Amino acid sequence: MYEEFTQNRIAQLRMQKNVSARDMSLSLGQNNSYINQIENKKTLPSLQGLFYICEYFGITPQQFFDEGDAYPAQLAELVEDLKKLDAASLEHIAAVVKEMIREK
């Protein structure tokens, strides 16, 4: 179960980042087919490899495995920005978000 999730999640995040499997492999210091082999279900990354992949995407392992978070890098960046706001601004943003959710 987690094997397939891991392989699919890497492909999903890589496509969101709009980078090729080859370029990502080389950026991680691996051979040019490393990510391709993972995505094609021929291998899995080691635990250390998974940590490097998470670092590459700018997310934590917890965010990587959160199935309900389709855009973990974007959400993490947004949360960091929200931390810089005062309470009144956060209330305004919360109201806008709630309204957007209701409109769906």
Protein backbone atom coordinates (compact mmCIF):
# COMPACT_ATOMS: atom_id res chain seq x y z
CA MET A 1 0.00 0.00 0.00
CA TYR A 2 2.63 2.56 1.04
CA GLU A 3 4.94 1.48 -1.74
CA GLU A 4 2.48 2.50 -4.44
CA PHE A 5 1.54 5.66 -2.56
CA THR A 6 5.21 6.66 -2.31
CA GLN A 7 5.84 6.09 -5.99
CA ASN A 8 2.68 7.93 -7.05
CA ARG A 9 3.29 10.80 -4.62
CA ILE A 10 6.77 11.41 -5.99
CA ALA A 11 5.35 11.54 -9.52
CA GLN A 12 2.55 13.90 -8.43
CA LEU A 13 4.90 16.31 -6.65
CA ARG A 14 7.45 16.19 -9.45
CA MET A 15 4.80 17.11 -12.03
CA GLN A 16 3.56 19.96 -9.82
CA LYS A 17 7.13 21.24 -9.72
CA ASN A 18 7.24 20.84 -13.51
CA VAL A 19 10.58 19.06 -13.56
CA SER A 20 11.61 15.98 -15.49
CA ALA A 21 12.43 12.72 -13.73
CA ARG A 22 15.95 12.95 -15.17
CA ASP A 23 16.56 16.49 -13.90
CA MET A 24 15.21 15.61 -10.47
CA SER A 25 17.42 12.50 -10.32
CA LEU A 26 20.50 14.50 -11.18
CA SER A 27 19.57 17.27 -8.70
CA LEU A 28 19.44 14.61 -6.00
CA GLY A 29 22.93 13.43 -6.96
CA GLN A 30 21.67 10.14 -8.34
CA ASN A 31 21.94 8.48 -11.73
CA ASN A 32 19.68 9.93 -14.41
CA SER A 33 17.09 7.11 -14.14
CA TYR A 34 16.72 7.07 -10.32
CA ILE A 35 13.31 8.80 -10.15
CA ASN A 36 12.09 7.03 -13.27
CA GLN A 37 12.82 3.66 -11.65
CA ILE A 38 10.90 4.69 -8.53
CA GLU A 39 7.91 6.03 -10.47
CA ASN A 40 7.81 2.91 -12.66
CA LYS A 41 7.61 0.75 -9.53
CA LYS A 42 10.97 -0.92 -10.07
CA THR A 43 12.44 0.29 -6.75
CA LEU A 44 11.75 2.39 -3.68
CA PRO A 45 13.93 5.10 -2.21
CA SER A 46 15.81 4.35 0.98
CA LEU A 47 14.71 6.24 4.07
CA GLN A 48 17.60 8.66 3.57
CA GLY A 49 16.65 8.95 -0.10
CA LEU A 50 13.08 9.77 0.87
CA PHE A 51 14.36 12.51 3.19
CA TYR A 52 16.37 13.99 0.31
CA ILE A 53 13.29 13.82 -1.94
CA CYS A 54 11.22 15.63 0.69
CA GLU A 55 13.94 18.26 1.02
CA TYR A 56 13.99 18.64 -2.77
CA PHE A 57 10.25 19.39 -2.73
CA GLY A 58 10.58 21.68 0.31
CA ILE A 59 8.27 19.56 2.47
CA THR A 60 8.52 17.40 5.57
CA PRO A 61 8.05 13.62 5.55
CA GLN A 62 4.77 14.21 7.41
CA GLN A 63 3.55 16.44 4.57
CA PHE A 64 4.73 13.88 2.03
CA PHE A 65 2.56 11.16 3.58
CA ASP A 66 -0.49 13.37 4.17
CA GLU A 67 -2.87 11.99 1.53
CA GLY A 68 -5.32 14.84 2.14
CA ASP A 69 -2.75 17.47 1.17
CA ALA A 70 -2.54 17.58 -2.62
CA TYR A 71 -0.23 20.63 -2.65
CA PRO A 72 2.08 20.33 0.36
CA ALA A 73 4.81 22.70 -0.84
CA GLN A 74 2.34 25.47 -1.63
CA LEU A 75 0.50 24.97 1.66
CA ALA A 76 3.75 25.05 3.65
CA GLU A 77 4.75 28.31 1.95
CA LEU A 78 1.32 29.80 2.64
CA VAL A 79 1.46 28.82 6.31
CA GLU A 80 4.87 30.47 6.67
CA ASP A 81 3.45 33.67 5.17
CA LEU A 82 0.37 33.51 7.40
CA LYS A 83 2.58 33.32 10.49
CA LYS A 84 3.78 36.85 9.71
CA LEU A 85 0.28 38.38 9.88
CA ASP A 86 -1.54 39.93 12.82
CA ALA A 87 -4.77 38.53 14.26
CA ALA A 88 -7.07 40.88 12.34
CA SER A 89 -5.49 39.99 9.01
CA LEU A 90 -5.74 36.28 9.80
CA GLU A 91 -9.44 36.69 10.58
CA HIS A 92 -10.00 38.37 7.20
CA ILE A 93 -8.15 35.63 5.36
CA ALA A 94 -10.04 32.93 7.27
CA ALA A 95 -13.34 34.56 6.26
CA VAL A 96 -12.29 34.66 2.60
CA VAL A 97 -11.22 31.01 2.67
CA LYS A 98 -14.47 29.92 4.31
CA GLU A 99 -16.43 31.81 1.67
CA MET A 100 -14.42 30.18 -1.13
CA ILE A 101 -15.09 26.74 0.34
CA ARG A 102 -18.83 27.42 0.54
CA GLU A 103 -18.90 28.45 -3.13
CA LYS A 104 -17.50 25.11 -4.28
